[in-house]
């Protein structure tokens, strides 16, 4: 399952029921220049991509991104 942004506890339990035959991936933005989850998810942004919750649940978790590269920081970001 790709780009699993808001998995519910029920979904996590269902995926666990596939006994390792399903891998989930998330698309977190780790860098400030890519930190636009608030733009897409608004007030729910802090709950997006709960990587630790997925890993702690015992699921096979991969990281993914659509970004080819991170853009260079602007002068303002370097200060």
PDB file of N, CA and C in Angstrom:
ATOM      1  N   UNK A   1       0.849  -1.154   0.000  1.00  0.00           N
ATOM      2  CA  UNK A   1       0.000   0.000   0.000  1.00  0.00           C
ATOM      3  C   UNK A   1       0.902   1.225   0.000  1.00  0.00           C
ATOM      4  N   UNK A   2       0.668   2.127  -0.929  1.00  0.00           N
ATOM      5  CA  UNK A   2       1.547   3.281  -1.097  1.00  0.00           C
ATOM      6  C   UNK A   2       0.939   4.548  -0.510  1.00  0.00           C
ATOM      7  N   UNK A   3       1.784   5.396   0.041  1.00  0.00           N
ATOM      8  CA  UNK A   3       1.399   6.720   0.565  1.00  0.00           C
ATOM      9  C   UNK A   3       0.335   6.623   1.647  1.00  0.00           C
ATOM     10  N   UNK A   4       0.540   5.765   2.589  1.00  0.00           N
ATOM     11  CA  UNK A   4      -0.419   5.557   3.664  1.00  0.00           C
ATOM     12  C   UNK A   4      -0.329   6.722   4.649  1.00  0.00           C
ATOM     13  N   UNK A   5      -1.170   7.712   4.458  1.00  0.00           N
ATOM     14  CA  UNK A   5      -1.089   8.951   5.235  1.00  0.00           C
ATOM     15  C   UNK A   5      -1.840   8.883   6.558  1.00  0.00           C
ATOM     16  N   UNK A   6      -3.028   8.339   6.563  1.00  0.00           N
ATOM     17  CA  UNK A   6      -3.859   8.332   7.765  1.00  0.00           C
ATOM     18  C   UNK A   6      -4.442   6.943   8.037  1.00  0.00           C
ATOM     19  N   UNK A   7      -3.599   5.971   8.355  1.00  0.00           N
ATOM     20  CA  UNK A   7      -4.137   4.633   8.607  1.00  0.00           C
ATOM     21  C   UNK A   7      -4.891   4.580   9.935  1.00  0.00           C
ATOM     22  N   UNK A   8      -6.043   3.975   9.924  1.00  0.00           N
ATOM     23  CA  UNK A   8      -6.812   3.797  11.160  1.00  0.00           C
ATOM     24  C   UNK A   8      -6.318   2.534  11.866  1.00  0.00           C
ATOM     25  N   UNK A   9      -6.673   2.409  13.125  1.00  0.00           N
ATOM     26  CA  UNK A   9      -6.310   1.194  13.860  1.00  0.00           C
ATOM     27  C   UNK A   9      -6.936  -0.028  13.204  1.00  0.00           C
ATOM     28  N   UNK A  10      -8.146   0.134  12.687  1.00  0.00           N
ATOM     29  CA  UNK A  10      -8.821  -0.983  12.016  1.00  0.00           C
ATOM     30  C   UNK A  10      -8.061  -1.401  10.750  1.00  0.00           C
ATOM     31  N   UNK A  11      -7.575  -0.431   9.999  1.00  0.00           N
ATOM     32  CA  UNK A  11      -6.818  -0.748   8.785  1.00  0.00           C
ATOM     33  C   UNK A  11      -5.507  -1.442   9.137  1.00  0.00           C
ATOM     34  N   UNK A  12      -4.831  -0.956  10.154  1.00  0.00           N
ATOM     35  CA  UNK A  12      -3.580  -1.575  10.580  1.00  0.00           C
ATOM     36  C   UNK A  12      -3.834  -3.036  10.969  1.00  0.00           C
ATOM     37  N   UNK A  13      -4.893  -3.284  11.721  1.00  0.00           N
ATOM     38  CA  UNK A  13      -5.226  -4.656  12.113  1.00  0.00           C
ATOM     39  C   UNK A  13      -5.532  -5.513  10.885  1.00  0.00           C
ATOM     40  N   UNK A  14      -6.235  -4.949   9.932  1.00  0.00           N
ATOM     41  CA  UNK A  14      -6.565  -5.705   8.716  1.00  0.00           C
ATOM     42  C   UNK A  14      -5.297  -6.066   7.934  1.00  0.00           C
ATOM     43  N   UNK A  15      -4.383  -5.095   7.809  1.00  0.00           N
ATOM     44  CA  UNK A  15      -3.130  -5.350   7.085  1.00  0.00           C
ATOM     45  C   UNK A  15      -2.317  -6.425   7.812  1.00  0.00           C
ATOM     46  N   UNK A  16      -2.292  -6.368   9.147  1.00  0.00           N
ATOM     47  CA  UNK A  16      -1.575  -7.398   9.904  1.00  0.00           C
ATOM     48  C   UNK A  16      -2.143  -8.778   9.621  1.00  0.00           C
ATOM     49  N   UNK A  17      -3.434  -8.842   9.323  1.00  0.00           N
ATOM     50  CA  UNK A  17      -4.080 -10.106   9.027  1.00  0.00           C
ATOM     51  C   UNK A  17      -3.601 -10.753   7.734  1.00  0.00           C
ATOM     52  N   UNK A  18      -2.892 -10.010   6.898  1.00  0.00           N
ATOM     53  CA  UNK A  18      -2.346 -10.570   5.661  1.00  0.00           C
ATOM     54  C   UNK A  18      -0.998 -11.250   5.900  1.00  0.00           C
ATOM     55  N   UNK A  19      -0.597 -11.338   7.166  1.00  0.00           N
ATOM     56  CA  UNK A  19       0.562 -12.121   7.585  1.00  0.00           C
ATOM     57  C   UNK A  19       1.841 -11.800   6.807  1.00  0.00           C
ATOM     58  N   UNK A  20       2.144 -10.502   6.684  1.00  0.00           N
ATOM     59  CA  UNK A  20       3.392 -10.093   6.052  1.00  0.00           C
ATOM     60  C   UNK A  20       3.369 -10.036   4.538  1.00  0.00           C
ATOM     61  N   UNK A  21       2.236 -10.314   3.928  1.00  0.00           N
ATOM     62  CA  UNK A  21       2.141 -10.297   2.468  1.00  0.00           C
ATOM     63  C   UNK A  21       1.841  -8.910   1.919  1.00  0.00           C
ATOM     64  N   UNK A  22       1.654  -7.946   2.807  1.00  0.00           N
ATOM     65  CA  UNK A  22       1.404  -6.558   2.390  1.00  0.00           C
ATOM     66  C   UNK A  22       2.445  -5.668   3.059  1.00  0.00           C
ATOM     67  N   UNK A  23       3.057  -4.798   2.282  1.00  0.00           N
ATOM     68  CA  UNK A  23       4.022  -3.816   2.789  1.00  0.00           C
ATOM     69  C   UNK A  23       3.386  -2.443   2.623  1.00  0.00           C
ATOM     70  N   UNK A  24       3.519  -1.618   3.643  1.00  0.00           N
ATOM     71  CA  UNK A  24       2.987  -0.263   3.543  1.00  0.00           C
ATOM     72  C   UNK A  24       4.144   0.709   3.343  1.00  0.00           C
ATOM     73  N   UNK A  25       3.893   1.764   2.611  1.00  0.00           N
ATOM     74  CA  UNK A  25       4.896   2.818   2.465  1.00  0.00           C
ATOM     75  C   UNK A  25       4.266   4.142   2.836  1.00  0.00           C
ATOM     76  N   UNK A  26       5.077   5.014   3.359  1.00  0.00           N
ATOM     77  CA  UNK A  26       4.625   6.357   3.694  1.00  0.00           C
ATOM     78  C   UNK A  26       5.465   7.353   2.914  1.00  0.00           C
ATOM     79  N   UNK A  27       4.981   8.554   2.822  1.00  0.00           N
ATOM     80  CA  UNK A  27       5.705   9.592   2.100  1.00  0.00           C
ATOM     81  C   UNK A  27       5.899  10.805   3.016  1.00  0.00           C
ATOM     82  N   UNK A  28       6.741  10.661   4.011  1.00  0.00           N
ATOM     83  CA  UNK A  28       6.942  11.785   4.916  1.00  0.00           C
ATOM     84  C   UNK A  28       7.820  12.865   4.315  1.00  0.00           C
ATOM     85  N   UNK A  29       7.599  14.102   4.711  1.00  0.00           N
ATOM     86  CA  UNK A  29       8.480  15.198   4.320  1.00  0.00           C
ATOM     87  C   UNK A  29       9.411  15.499   5.474  1.00  0.00           C
ATOM     88  N   UNK A  30      10.657  15.052   5.383  1.00  0.00           N
ATOM     89  CA  UNK A  30      11.588  15.248   6.490  1.00  0.00           C
ATOM     90  C   UNK A  30      12.278  16.601   6.463  1.00  0.00           C
ATOM     91  N   UNK A  31      12.329  17.262   5.319  1.00  0.00           N
ATOM     92  CA  UNK A  31      13.093  18.480   5.203  1.00  0.00           C
ATOM     93  C   UNK A  31      12.182  19.695   5.210  1.00  0.00           C
ATOM     94  N   UNK A  32      12.655  20.788   5.771  1.00  0.00           N
ATOM     95  CA  UNK A  32      11.867  22.012   5.869  1.00  0.00           C
ATOM     96  C   UNK A  32      11.359  22.442   4.506  1.00  0.00           C
ATOM     97  N   UNK A  33      12.187  22.328   3.481  1.00  0.00           N
ATOM     98  CA  UNK A  33      11.784  22.787   2.151  1.00  0.00           C
ATOM     99  C   UNK A  33      10.687  21.918   1.553  1.00  0.00           C
ATOM    100  N   UNK A  34      10.489  20.722   2.082  1.00  0.00           N
ATOM    101  CA  UNK A  34       9.423  19.849   1.597  1.00  0.00           C
ATOM    102  C   UNK A  34       8.266  19.759   2.583  1.00  0.00           C
ATOM    103  N   UNK A  35       8.330  20.514   3.646  1.00  0.00           N
ATOM    104  CA  UNK A  35       7.339  20.434   4.705  1.00  0.00           C
ATOM    105  C   UNK A  35       6.066  21.169   4.304  1.00  0.00           C
ATOM    106  N   UNK A  36       5.263  20.521   3.482  1.00  0.00           N
ATOM    107  CA  UNK A  36       4.024  21.152   3.041  1.00  0.00           C
ATOM    108  C   UNK A  36       2.807  20.324   3.405  1.00  0.00           C
ATOM    109  N   UNK A  37       2.937  19.447   4.415  1.00  0.00           N
ATOM    110  CA  UNK A  37       1.785  18.642   4.797  1.00  0.00           C
ATOM    111  C   UNK A  37       0.631  19.511   5.290  1.00  0.00           C
ATOM    112  N   UNK A  38       0.925  20.662   5.905  1.00  0.00           N
ATOM    113  CA  UNK A  38      -0.154  21.549   6.366  1.00  0.00           C
ATOM    114  C   UNK A  38      -0.957  22.077   5.178  1.00  0.00           C
ATOM    115  N   UNK A  39      -0.300  22.292   4.067  1.00  0.00           N
ATOM    116  CA  UNK A  39      -0.993  22.755   2.864  1.00  0.00           C
ATOM    117  C   UNK A  39      -2.024  21.726   2.412  1.00  0.00           C
ATOM    118  N   UNK A  40      -1.638  20.458   2.450  1.00  0.00           N
ATOM    119  CA  UNK A  40      -2.525  19.399   1.984  1.00  0.00           C
ATOM    120  C   UNK A  40      -3.508  18.913   3.039  1.00  0.00           C
ATOM    121  N   UNK A  41      -3.079  18.866   4.306  1.00  0.00           N
ATOM    122  CA  UNK A  41      -3.893  18.235   5.340  1.00  0.00           C
ATOM    123  C   UNK A  41      -4.430  19.183   6.402  1.00  0.00           C
ATOM    124  N   UNK A  42      -4.061  20.452   6.352  1.00  0.00           N
ATOM    125  CA  UNK A  42      -4.592  21.427   7.301  1.00  0.00           C
ATOM    126  C   UNK A  42      -4.325  21.037   8.742  1.00  0.00           C
ATOM    127  N   UNK A  43      -5.375  21.094   9.560  1.00  0.00           N
ATOM    128  CA  UNK A  43      -5.243  20.805  10.992  1.00  0.00           C
ATOM    129  C   UNK A  43      -4.840  19.358  11.286  1.00  0.00           C
ATOM    130  N   UNK A  44      -4.999  18.477  10.317  1.00  0.00           N
ATOM    131  CA  UNK A  44      -4.651  17.067  10.522  1.00  0.00           C
ATOM    132  C   UNK A  44      -3.190  16.769  10.184  1.00  0.00           C
ATOM    133  N   UNK A  45      -2.430  17.767   9.781  1.00  0.00           N
ATOM    134  CA  UNK A  45      -1.060  17.547   9.309  1.00  0.00           C
ATOM    135  C   UNK A  45      -0.185  16.813  10.319  1.00  0.00           C
ATOM    136  N   UNK A  46      -0.327  17.110  11.591  1.00  0.00           N
ATOM    137  CA  UNK A  46       0.538  16.476  12.596  1.00  0.00           C
ATOM    138  C   UNK A  46       0.229  14.997  12.785  1.00  0.00           C
ATOM    139  N   UNK A  47      -0.936  14.555  12.336  1.00  0.00           N
ATOM    140  CA  UNK A  47      -1.276  13.137  12.431  1.00  0.00           C
ATOM    141  C   UNK A  47      -0.917  12.368  11.159  1.00  0.00           C
ATOM    142  N   UNK A  48      -0.477  13.073  10.128  1.00  0.00           N
ATOM    143  CA  UNK A  48      -0.165  12.430   8.847  1.00  0.00           C
ATOM    144  C   UNK A  48       1.106  11.585   8.955  1.00  0.00           C
ATOM    145  N   UNK A  49       1.099  10.471   8.261  1.00  0.00           N
ATOM    146  CA  UNK A  49       2.249   9.581   8.145  1.00  0.00           C
ATOM    147  C   UNK A  49       2.809   9.148   9.503  1.00  0.00           C
ATOM    148  N   UNK A  50       2.037   8.401  10.273  1.00  0.00           N
ATOM    149  CA  UNK A  50       2.500   7.966  11.597  1.00  0.00           C
ATOM    150  C   UNK A  50       3.487   6.798  11.495  1.00  0.00           C
ATOM    151  N   UNK A  51       4.685   7.099  11.042  1.00  0.00           N
ATOM    152  CA  UNK A  51       5.686   6.061  10.774  1.00  0.00           C
ATOM    153  C   UNK A  51       5.941   5.191  12.007  1.00  0.00           C
ATOM    154  N   UNK A  52       6.167   5.804  13.148  1.00  0.00           N
ATOM    155  CA  UNK A  52       6.473   5.024  14.357  1.00  0.00           C
ATOM    156  C   UNK A  52       5.310   4.105  14.722  1.00  0.00           C
ATOM    157  N   UNK A  53       4.094   4.589  14.609  1.00  0.00           N
ATOM    158  CA  UNK A  53       2.921   3.760  14.918  1.00  0.00           C
ATOM    159  C   UNK A  53       2.873   2.537  14.001  1.00  0.00           C
ATOM    160  N   UNK A  54       3.159   2.744  12.730  1.00  0.00           N
ATOM    161  CA  UNK A  54       3.143   1.635  11.778  1.00  0.00           C
ATOM    162  C   UNK A  54       4.243   0.618  12.085  1.00  0.00           C
ATOM    163  N   UNK A  55       5.439   1.107  12.359  1.00  0.00           N
ATOM    164  CA  UNK A  55       6.560   0.214  12.673  1.00  0.00           C
ATOM    165  C   UNK A  55       6.279  -0.535  13.978  1.00  0.00           C
ATOM    166  N   UNK A  56       5.823   0.200  15.002  1.00  0.00           N
ATOM    167  CA  UNK A  56       5.544  -0.424  16.291  1.00  0.00           C
ATOM    168  C   UNK A  56       4.432  -1.472  16.206  1.00  0.00           C
ATOM    169  N   UNK A  57       3.563  -1.344  15.216  1.00  0.00           N
ATOM    170  CA  UNK A  57       2.469  -2.310  15.064  1.00  0.00           C
ATOM    171  C   UNK A  57       2.960  -3.632  14.480  1.00  0.00           C
ATOM    172  N   UNK A  58       4.209  -3.657  13.991  1.00  0.00           N
ATOM    173  CA  UNK A  58       4.764  -4.884  13.442  1.00  0.00           C
ATOM    174  C   UNK A  58       4.626  -5.024  11.941  1.00  0.00           C
ATOM    175  N   UNK A  59       4.096  -4.001  11.281  1.00  0.00           N
ATOM    176  CA  UNK A  59       3.964  -4.057   9.827  1.00  0.00           C
ATOM    177  C   UNK A  59       5.313  -3.848   9.150  1.00  0.00           C
ATOM    178  N   UNK A  60       5.449  -4.353   7.932  1.00  0.00           N
ATOM    179  CA  UNK A  60       6.624  -4.046   7.117  1.00  0.00           C
ATOM    180  C   UNK A  60       6.384  -2.667   6.527  1.00  0.00           C
ATOM    181  N   UNK A  61       7.291  -1.725   6.815  1.00  0.00           N
ATOM    182  CA  UNK A  61       7.106  -0.332   6.415  1.00  0.00           C
ATOM    183  C   UNK A  61       8.265   0.131   5.559  1.00  0.00           C
ATOM    184  N   UNK A  62       7.956   0.751   4.439  1.00  0.00           N
ATOM    185  CA  UNK A  62       8.971   1.351   3.584  1.00  0.00           C
ATOM    186  C   UNK A  62       8.749   2.847   3.508  1.00  0.00           C
ATOM    187  N   UNK A  63       9.777   3.558   3.153  1.00  0.00           N
ATOM    188  CA  UNK A  63       9.683   5.012   2.975  1.00  0.00           C
ATOM    189  C   UNK A  63       9.726   5.307   1.490  1.00  0.00           C
ATOM    190  N   UNK A  64       8.925   6.250   1.067  1.00  0.00           N
ATOM    191  CA  UNK A  64       8.921   6.618  -0.345  1.00  0.00           C
ATOM    192  C   UNK A  64       8.708   8.109  -0.483  1.00  0.00           C
ATOM    193  N   UNK A  65       8.963   8.592  -1.662  1.00  0.00           N
ATOM    194  CA  UNK A  65       8.735  10.001  -1.949  1.00  0.00           C
ATOM    195  C   UNK A  65       8.588  10.188  -3.448  1.00  0.00           C
ATOM    196  N   UNK A  66       7.844  11.186  -3.836  1.00  0.00           N
ATOM    197  CA  UNK A  66       7.715  11.538  -5.244  1.00  0.00           C
ATOM    198  C   UNK A  66       8.769  12.567  -5.642  1.00  0.00           C
ATOM    199  N   UNK A  67       9.494  13.069  -4.671  1.00  0.00           N
ATOM    200  CA  UNK A  67      10.496  14.100  -4.930  1.00  0.00           C
ATOM    201  C   UNK A  67      11.747  13.453  -5.492  1.00  0.00           C
ATOM    202  N   UNK A  68      12.181  13.930  -6.659  1.00  0.00           N
ATOM    203  CA  UNK A  68      13.413  13.408  -7.244  1.00  0.00           C
ATOM    204  C   UNK A  68      14.628  13.845  -6.438  1.00  0.00           C
ATOM    205  N   UNK A  69      14.632  15.092  -6.051  1.00  0.00           N
ATOM    206  CA  UNK A  69      15.710  15.646  -5.226  1.00  0.00           C
ATOM    207  C   UNK A  69      15.108  16.721  -4.332  1.00  0.00           C
ATOM    208  N   UNK A  70      15.824  17.064  -3.291  1.00  0.00           N
ATOM    209  CA  UNK A  70      15.394  18.182  -2.456  1.00  0.00           C
ATOM    210  C   UNK A  70      15.910  19.460  -3.071  1.00  0.00           C
ATOM    211  N   UNK A  71      15.061  20.479  -3.211  1.00  0.00           N
ATOM    212  CA  UNK A  71      15.550  21.736  -3.756  1.00  0.00           C
ATOM    213  C   UNK A  71      16.564  22.371  -2.806  1.00  0.00           C
ATOM    214  N   UNK A  72      17.517  23.121  -3.346  1.00  0.00           N
ATOM    215  CA  UNK A  72      18.510  23.756  -2.475  1.00  0.00           C
ATOM    216  C   UNK A  72      17.832  24.786  -1.575  1.00  0.00           C
ATOM    217  N   UNK A  73      18.368  24.981  -0.370  1.00  0.00           N
ATOM    218  CA  UNK A  73      17.765  25.959   0.533  1.00  0.00           C
ATOM    219  C   UNK A  73      17.899  27.378  -0.022  1.00  0.00           C
ATOM    220  N   UNK A  74      16.939  28.178   0.293  1.00  0.00           N
ATOM    221  CA  UNK A  74      17.002  29.585  -0.105  1.00  0.00           C
ATOM    222  C   UNK A  74      17.913  30.321   0.865  1.00  0.00           C
ATOM    223  N   UNK A  75      18.273  31.543   0.521  1.00  0.00           N
ATOM    224  CA  UNK A  75      19.138  32.321   1.431  1.00  0.00           C
ATOM    225  C   UNK A  75      18.488  32.466   2.804  1.00  0.00           C
ATOM    226  N   UNK A  76      17.185  32.687   2.823  1.00  0.00           N
ATOM    227  CA  UNK A  76      16.493  32.864   4.080  1.00  0.00           C
ATOM    228  C   UNK A  76      16.618  31.611   4.940  1.00  0.00           C
ATOM    229  N   UNK A  77      16.568  30.416   4.340  1.00  0.00           N
ATOM    230  CA  UNK A  77      16.652  29.185   5.086  1.00  0.00           C
ATOM    231  C   UNK A  77      18.065  28.926   5.597  1.00  0.00           C
ATOM    232  N   UNK A  78      19.083  29.484   4.965  1.00  0.00           N
ATOM    233  CA  UNK A  78      20.477  29.274   5.374  1.00  0.00           C
ATOM    234  C   UNK A  78      20.844  30.104   6.596  1.00  0.00           C
ATOM    235  N   UNK A  79      20.102  31.126   6.885  1.00  0.00           N
ATOM    236  CA  UNK A  79      20.478  32.032   7.990  1.00  0.00           C
ATOM    237  C   UNK A  79      20.254  31.439   9.336  1.00  0.00           C
TER     238      UNK A  79
END
